[in-house]
Amino acid sequence: VVAPFRAPPTPYSAGHRGIDVAALPGDPVVAPANGVVSYAGPVAGRGVLSIDHGGGVVSSIEPVAAGVAAGAAVRAGDPVAIVATGGHCDDRCVHLGVRVHGEYVSPLLWFGGVPRAVLLPMAG
C-alpha cells in the first residue's frame, strides 16, 4: 500500500477514500471478492470498474481499462482489467475504494490486511 485510507472529517471534505496499491500501467487487476460488475467505463477522464459484492458492499478500482462489462459475474481473483493511466496515481499505482451502504471505509477492513478487533468479556 503506497497511500493509506484517510477518512474525511465530513462527507464532502478532503480525504483519501480508499487505498493506493503499487502497480504499473498494463499490470493485471483481479476482482477483490465475488460480485457483479455494476459499472465499467470512464469517470472524469479515467477508467473505473465498480463491483457490487452484495450486502451493500461495492468496490471501485481506478484507473483501469476494464476487461469485463457491467452485469458480468466475477469471482475473487478473476482478471477484470489492466492498470491504465489517469487520476492521482501518476503511473505508479491503482486506487481501490470500498463503500458499505454508501459510506467509504478502508478496503483493508474488507479484503484483508487489518485484523478485526475481537471483544472478550472481562474476567471477574
N, C-alpha and C. Protein backbone atom coordinates (compact mmCIF):
# COMPACT_ATOMS: atom_id res chain seq x y z
N VAL A 1 0.86 -1.18 0.00
CA VAL A 1 0.00 0.00 0.00
C VAL A 1 0.90 1.23 0.00
N VAL A 2 0.77 2.06 -1.03
CA VAL A 2 1.61 3.26 -1.12
C VAL A 2 0.92 4.50 -0.58
N ALA A 3 -0.39 4.45 -0.41
CA ALA A 3 -1.13 5.55 0.23
C ALA A 3 -2.32 4.94 0.98
N PRO A 4 -2.43 5.20 2.29
CA PRO A 4 -3.48 4.59 3.10
C PRO A 4 -4.82 5.32 2.98
N PHE A 5 -5.85 4.66 3.49
CA PHE A 5 -7.18 5.26 3.61
C PHE A 5 -7.12 6.37 4.64
N ARG A 6 -7.71 7.52 4.31
CA ARG A 6 -7.83 8.63 5.26
C ARG A 6 -9.27 9.13 5.20
N ALA A 7 -10.04 8.80 6.20
CA ALA A 7 -11.45 9.19 6.23
C ALA A 7 -11.58 10.71 6.30
N PRO A 8 -12.45 11.29 5.49
CA PRO A 8 -12.67 12.74 5.58
C PRO A 8 -13.47 13.05 6.85
N PRO A 9 -13.26 14.24 7.44
CA PRO A 9 -13.99 14.58 8.66
C PRO A 9 -15.49 14.78 8.44
N THR A 10 -15.88 15.15 7.22
CA THR A 10 -17.29 15.28 6.86
C THR A 10 -17.47 14.67 5.47
N PRO A 11 -18.69 14.34 5.07
CA PRO A 11 -18.90 13.65 3.79
C PRO A 11 -18.30 14.35 2.57
N TYR A 12 -18.20 15.66 2.58
CA TYR A 12 -17.70 16.37 1.39
C TYR A 12 -16.33 17.00 1.61
N SER A 13 -15.65 16.64 2.68
CA SER A 13 -14.32 17.16 2.96
C SER A 13 -13.26 16.36 2.22
N ALA A 14 -12.05 16.92 2.18
CA ALA A 14 -10.92 16.22 1.58
C ALA A 14 -10.57 15.00 2.41
N GLY A 15 -10.09 13.99 1.75
CA GLY A 15 -9.64 12.76 2.39
C GLY A 15 -9.13 11.83 1.31
N HIS A 16 -8.82 10.63 1.66
CA HIS A 16 -8.43 9.62 0.68
C HIS A 16 -9.34 8.44 0.90
N ARG A 17 -10.35 8.32 0.05
CA ARG A 17 -11.45 7.38 0.24
C ARG A 17 -11.13 6.00 -0.32
N GLY A 18 -9.96 5.51 0.00
CA GLY A 18 -9.52 4.20 -0.45
C GLY A 18 -8.05 4.04 -0.17
N ILE A 19 -7.44 3.06 -0.82
CA ILE A 19 -6.00 2.85 -0.70
C ILE A 19 -5.40 2.85 -2.10
N ASP A 20 -4.14 3.21 -2.19
CA ASP A 20 -3.41 3.11 -3.44
C ASP A 20 -2.42 1.96 -3.30
N VAL A 21 -2.45 1.06 -4.28
CA VAL A 21 -1.60 -0.12 -4.29
C VAL A 21 -0.58 0.05 -5.42
N ALA A 22 0.69 -0.24 -5.15
CA ALA A 22 1.73 -0.11 -6.16
C ALA A 22 1.39 -0.97 -7.38
N ALA A 23 1.40 -0.35 -8.55
CA ALA A 23 1.11 -1.04 -9.81
C ALA A 23 1.58 -0.15 -10.95
N LEU A 24 1.84 -0.78 -12.08
CA LEU A 24 2.27 -0.05 -13.27
C LEU A 24 1.24 -0.21 -14.38
N PRO A 25 1.14 0.76 -15.28
CA PRO A 25 0.22 0.60 -16.41
C PRO A 25 0.48 -0.72 -17.13
N GLY A 26 -0.60 -1.44 -17.40
CA GLY A 26 -0.50 -2.75 -18.05
C GLY A 26 -0.54 -3.92 -17.10
N ASP A 27 -0.31 -3.67 -15.80
CA ASP A 27 -0.40 -4.75 -14.82
C ASP A 27 -1.83 -5.27 -14.75
N PRO A 28 -2.02 -6.58 -14.53
CA PRO A 28 -3.37 -7.12 -14.42
C PRO A 28 -4.03 -6.70 -13.10
N VAL A 29 -5.35 -6.58 -13.15
CA VAL A 29 -6.17 -6.27 -11.97
C VAL A 29 -7.16 -7.42 -11.81
N VAL A 30 -7.28 -7.92 -10.58
CA VAL A 30 -8.20 -9.02 -10.32
C VAL A 30 -9.31 -8.56 -9.38
N ALA A 31 -10.44 -9.24 -9.44
CA ALA A 31 -11.56 -8.93 -8.55
C ALA A 31 -11.15 -9.21 -7.11
N PRO A 32 -11.40 -8.27 -6.19
CA PRO A 32 -11.02 -8.48 -4.80
C PRO A 32 -11.92 -9.48 -4.06
N ALA A 33 -13.13 -9.70 -4.59
CA ALA A 33 -14.08 -10.62 -3.97
C ALA A 33 -15.15 -10.95 -5.00
N ASN A 34 -15.97 -11.95 -4.72
CA ASN A 34 -17.06 -12.31 -5.62
C ASN A 34 -18.04 -11.16 -5.75
N GLY A 35 -18.65 -11.03 -6.93
CA GLY A 35 -19.66 -9.99 -7.11
C GLY A 35 -20.11 -9.87 -8.55
N VAL A 36 -20.81 -8.78 -8.83
CA VAL A 36 -21.31 -8.47 -10.17
C VAL A 36 -20.81 -7.08 -10.54
N VAL A 37 -20.23 -6.96 -11.73
CA VAL A 37 -19.73 -5.67 -12.19
C VAL A 37 -20.92 -4.73 -12.34
N SER A 38 -20.90 -3.62 -11.61
CA SER A 38 -22.00 -2.66 -11.69
C SER A 38 -21.68 -1.49 -12.61
N TYR A 39 -20.39 -1.24 -12.88
CA TYR A 39 -20.00 -0.16 -13.79
C TYR A 39 -18.61 -0.45 -14.33
N ALA A 40 -18.43 -0.20 -15.62
CA ALA A 40 -17.12 -0.30 -16.26
C ALA A 40 -17.07 0.77 -17.33
N GLY A 41 -16.35 1.85 -17.06
CA GLY A 41 -16.29 2.93 -18.04
C GLY A 41 -15.57 4.14 -17.49
N PRO A 42 -15.64 5.23 -18.25
CA PRO A 42 -14.90 6.44 -17.85
C PRO A 42 -15.63 7.26 -16.78
N VAL A 43 -14.84 7.85 -15.90
CA VAL A 43 -15.31 8.84 -14.93
C VAL A 43 -14.23 9.91 -14.86
N ALA A 44 -14.57 11.12 -15.21
CA ALA A 44 -13.63 12.25 -15.15
C ALA A 44 -12.30 11.95 -15.84
N GLY A 45 -12.37 11.31 -17.01
CA GLY A 45 -11.18 11.09 -17.81
C GLY A 45 -10.34 9.88 -17.45
N ARG A 46 -10.82 9.02 -16.57
CA ARG A 46 -10.08 7.80 -16.24
C ARG A 46 -11.06 6.62 -16.18
N GLY A 47 -10.52 5.44 -16.44
CA GLY A 47 -11.35 4.24 -16.42
C GLY A 47 -11.61 3.78 -15.00
N VAL A 48 -12.86 3.42 -14.73
CA VAL A 48 -13.27 2.97 -13.40
C VAL A 48 -14.05 1.66 -13.55
N LEU A 49 -13.80 0.74 -12.64
CA LEU A 49 -14.53 -0.52 -12.58
C LEU A 49 -15.12 -0.64 -11.18
N SER A 50 -16.44 -0.82 -11.09
CA SER A 50 -17.11 -1.00 -9.80
C SER A 50 -17.74 -2.38 -9.75
N ILE A 51 -17.61 -3.03 -8.60
CA ILE A 51 -18.16 -4.37 -8.40
C ILE A 51 -19.06 -4.34 -7.18
N ASP A 52 -20.30 -4.82 -7.36
CA ASP A 52 -21.26 -4.95 -6.26
C ASP A 52 -21.06 -6.33 -5.65
N HIS A 53 -20.64 -6.37 -4.40
CA HIS A 53 -20.36 -7.63 -3.72
C HIS A 53 -21.55 -8.14 -2.91
N GLY A 54 -22.66 -7.43 -2.95
CA GLY A 54 -23.83 -7.81 -2.17
C GLY A 54 -23.75 -7.28 -0.76
N GLY A 55 -24.86 -7.25 -0.08
CA GLY A 55 -24.89 -6.79 1.30
C GLY A 55 -24.54 -5.32 1.47
N GLY A 56 -24.68 -4.54 0.39
CA GLY A 56 -24.37 -3.11 0.46
C GLY A 56 -22.91 -2.77 0.24
N VAL A 57 -22.06 -3.77 -0.10
CA VAL A 57 -20.63 -3.55 -0.29
C VAL A 57 -20.31 -3.40 -1.78
N VAL A 58 -19.69 -2.27 -2.14
CA VAL A 58 -19.29 -2.00 -3.52
C VAL A 58 -17.83 -1.58 -3.52
N SER A 59 -17.03 -2.20 -4.39
CA SER A 59 -15.63 -1.78 -4.54
C SER A 59 -15.48 -1.08 -5.88
N SER A 60 -14.54 -0.14 -5.94
CA SER A 60 -14.21 0.56 -7.17
C SER A 60 -12.71 0.58 -7.33
N ILE A 61 -12.25 0.36 -8.58
CA ILE A 61 -10.83 0.31 -8.88
C ILE A 61 -10.57 1.27 -10.03
N GLU A 62 -9.50 2.09 -9.90
CA GLU A 62 -9.16 3.04 -10.95
C GLU A 62 -7.69 3.43 -10.85
N PRO A 63 -7.07 3.89 -11.91
CA PRO A 63 -7.52 3.91 -13.29
C PRO A 63 -7.28 2.54 -13.94
N VAL A 64 -8.26 2.07 -14.68
CA VAL A 64 -8.16 0.76 -15.33
C VAL A 64 -8.76 0.80 -16.73
N ALA A 65 -8.36 -0.17 -17.52
CA ALA A 65 -9.04 -0.48 -18.78
C ALA A 65 -9.76 -1.79 -18.49
N ALA A 66 -11.08 -1.71 -18.38
CA ALA A 66 -11.87 -2.87 -17.98
C ALA A 66 -11.83 -3.97 -19.03
N GLY A 67 -11.78 -5.20 -18.56
CA GLY A 67 -11.83 -6.36 -19.43
C GLY A 67 -13.15 -7.09 -19.29
N VAL A 68 -14.05 -6.54 -18.50
CA VAL A 68 -15.39 -7.10 -18.29
C VAL A 68 -16.40 -5.97 -18.40
N ALA A 69 -17.64 -6.34 -18.69
CA ALA A 69 -18.70 -5.34 -18.85
C ALA A 69 -19.64 -5.36 -17.66
N ALA A 70 -20.38 -4.27 -17.51
CA ALA A 70 -21.41 -4.20 -16.46
C ALA A 70 -22.34 -5.39 -16.62
N GLY A 71 -22.67 -6.01 -15.49
CA GLY A 71 -23.55 -7.17 -15.48
C GLY A 71 -22.81 -8.49 -15.39
N ALA A 72 -21.49 -8.48 -15.62
CA ALA A 72 -20.70 -9.72 -15.56
C ALA A 72 -20.52 -10.17 -14.12
N ALA A 73 -20.73 -11.46 -13.89
CA ALA A 73 -20.45 -12.04 -12.57
C ALA A 73 -18.95 -12.35 -12.50
N VAL A 74 -18.32 -11.99 -11.38
CA VAL A 74 -16.89 -12.24 -11.20
C VAL A 74 -16.66 -12.93 -9.86
N ARG A 75 -15.57 -13.68 -9.81
CA ARG A 75 -15.18 -14.35 -8.58
C ARG A 75 -13.86 -13.77 -8.10
N ALA A 76 -13.62 -13.84 -6.82
CA ALA A 76 -12.36 -13.34 -6.26
C ALA A 76 -11.19 -13.92 -7.04
N GLY A 77 -10.28 -13.03 -7.48
CA GLY A 77 -9.10 -13.47 -8.22
C GLY A 77 -9.26 -13.50 -9.72
N ASP A 78 -10.50 -13.35 -10.22
CA ASP A 78 -10.71 -13.30 -11.68
C ASP A 78 -10.05 -12.06 -12.25
N PRO A 79 -9.37 -12.17 -13.41
CA PRO A 79 -8.86 -10.96 -14.06
C PRO A 79 -10.03 -10.13 -14.57
N VAL A 80 -10.03 -8.83 -14.24
CA VAL A 80 -11.15 -7.96 -14.62
C VAL A 80 -10.72 -6.73 -15.40
N ALA A 81 -9.42 -6.40 -15.37
CA ALA A 81 -8.96 -5.17 -16.01
C ALA A 81 -7.44 -5.17 -16.06
N ILE A 82 -6.90 -4.12 -16.69
CA ILE A 82 -5.47 -3.84 -16.58
C ILE A 82 -5.33 -2.40 -16.09
N VAL A 83 -4.24 -2.15 -15.38
CA VAL A 83 -3.98 -0.80 -14.87
C VAL A 83 -3.78 0.13 -16.05
N ALA A 84 -4.42 1.29 -16.00
CA ALA A 84 -4.32 2.31 -17.04
C ALA A 84 -3.65 3.55 -16.44
N THR A 85 -3.88 4.69 -17.05
CA THR A 85 -3.32 5.95 -16.54
C THR A 85 -4.46 6.93 -16.29
N GLY A 86 -4.16 7.94 -15.49
CA GLY A 86 -5.15 8.96 -15.16
C GLY A 86 -5.39 9.01 -13.67
N GLY A 87 -6.04 10.06 -13.23
CA GLY A 87 -6.29 10.20 -11.81
C GLY A 87 -5.05 10.63 -11.06
N HIS A 88 -5.02 10.35 -9.78
CA HIS A 88 -3.94 10.85 -8.92
C HIS A 88 -2.75 9.91 -8.80
N CYS A 89 -2.80 8.73 -9.39
CA CYS A 89 -1.74 7.74 -9.17
C CYS A 89 -0.46 7.99 -9.96
N ASP A 90 -0.48 8.80 -10.99
CA ASP A 90 0.74 9.14 -11.74
C ASP A 90 1.54 7.92 -12.18
N ASP A 91 0.91 6.96 -12.81
CA ASP A 91 1.58 5.78 -13.38
C ASP A 91 2.33 4.94 -12.36
N ARG A 92 1.93 5.00 -11.09
CA ARG A 92 2.65 4.22 -10.08
C ARG A 92 1.74 3.38 -9.21
N CYS A 93 0.43 3.51 -9.40
CA CYS A 93 -0.46 2.77 -8.50
C CYS A 93 -1.84 2.59 -9.13
N VAL A 94 -2.64 1.81 -8.42
CA VAL A 94 -4.06 1.68 -8.73
C VAL A 94 -4.80 1.95 -7.42
N HIS A 95 -5.94 2.63 -7.52
CA HIS A 95 -6.72 3.03 -6.35
C HIS A 95 -7.86 2.04 -6.14
N LEU A 96 -8.03 1.58 -4.90
CA LEU A 96 -9.13 0.69 -4.53
C LEU A 96 -9.96 1.37 -3.46
N GLY A 97 -11.23 1.59 -3.75
CA GLY A 97 -12.15 2.17 -2.78
C GLY A 97 -13.25 1.17 -2.45
N VAL A 98 -13.79 1.25 -1.24
CA VAL A 98 -14.89 0.39 -0.82
C VAL A 98 -15.94 1.24 -0.13
N ARG A 99 -17.20 1.05 -0.56
CA ARG A 99 -18.33 1.69 0.10
C ARG A 99 -19.22 0.62 0.71
N VAL A 100 -19.67 0.87 1.92
CA VAL A 100 -20.62 -0.01 2.59
C VAL A 100 -21.86 0.82 2.86
N HIS A 101 -22.96 0.46 2.21
CA HIS A 101 -24.20 1.23 2.28
C HIS A 101 -23.94 2.71 1.98
N GLY A 102 -23.08 2.96 0.97
CA GLY A 102 -22.82 4.32 0.51
C GLY A 102 -21.73 5.06 1.24
N GLU A 103 -21.20 4.52 2.32
CA GLU A 103 -20.14 5.19 3.08
C GLU A 103 -18.80 4.54 2.79
N TYR A 104 -17.79 5.37 2.52
CA TYR A 104 -16.45 4.85 2.26
C TYR A 104 -15.82 4.32 3.54
N VAL A 105 -15.20 3.14 3.43
CA VAL A 105 -14.48 2.52 4.54
C VAL A 105 -13.12 2.05 4.02
N SER A 106 -12.21 1.72 4.91
CA SER A 106 -10.91 1.22 4.49
C SER A 106 -11.07 -0.13 3.80
N PRO A 107 -10.56 -0.27 2.58
CA PRO A 107 -10.61 -1.57 1.91
C PRO A 107 -9.89 -2.67 2.68
N LEU A 108 -8.91 -2.31 3.49
CA LEU A 108 -8.18 -3.32 4.25
C LEU A 108 -9.08 -4.03 5.26
N LEU A 109 -10.13 -3.36 5.71
CA LEU A 109 -11.07 -3.99 6.64
C LEU A 109 -11.91 -5.06 5.95
N TRP A 110 -12.10 -4.92 4.63
CA TRP A 110 -12.96 -5.84 3.89
C TRP A 110 -12.19 -6.92 3.16
N PHE A 111 -10.99 -6.61 2.70
CA PHE A 111 -10.27 -7.56 1.86
C PHE A 111 -8.97 -8.03 2.47
N GLY A 112 -8.83 -7.91 3.78
CA GLY A 112 -7.64 -8.39 4.46
C GLY A 112 -6.61 -7.30 4.69
N GLY A 113 -5.65 -7.59 5.51
CA GLY A 113 -4.58 -6.64 5.78
C GLY A 113 -4.67 -6.03 7.16
N VAL A 114 -5.85 -5.94 7.72
CA VAL A 114 -6.02 -5.40 9.07
C VAL A 114 -6.85 -6.41 9.86
N PRO A 115 -6.31 -6.96 10.92
CA PRO A 115 -7.10 -7.91 11.70
C PRO A 115 -8.28 -7.22 12.37
N ARG A 116 -9.40 -7.90 12.41
CA ARG A 116 -10.57 -7.33 13.07
C ARG A 116 -10.42 -7.47 14.58
N ALA A 117 -10.87 -6.45 15.29
CA ALA A 117 -10.82 -6.49 16.75
C ALA A 117 -11.87 -7.47 17.26
N VAL A 118 -11.52 -8.19 18.31
CA VAL A 118 -12.45 -9.11 18.94
C VAL A 118 -12.58 -8.69 20.39
N LEU A 119 -13.80 -8.40 20.81
CA LEU A 119 -14.05 -8.01 22.20
C LEU A 119 -14.32 -9.26 23.02
N LEU A 120 -13.63 -9.37 24.13
CA LEU A 120 -13.79 -10.51 25.02
C LEU A 120 -14.33 -10.02 26.35
N PRO A 121 -15.11 -10.87 27.03
CA PRO A 121 -15.62 -10.45 28.35
C PRO A 121 -14.47 -10.32 29.34
N MET A 122 -14.63 -9.37 30.25
CA MET A 122 -13.61 -9.18 31.29
C MET A 122 -13.81 -10.22 32.38
N ALA A 123 -12.72 -10.77 32.86
CA ALA A 123 -12.80 -11.74 33.95
C ALA A 123 -13.11 -11.02 35.25
N GLY A 124 -13.85 -11.68 36.11
CA GLY A 124 -14.00 -11.12 37.43
C GLY A 124 -15.31 -10.64 37.73
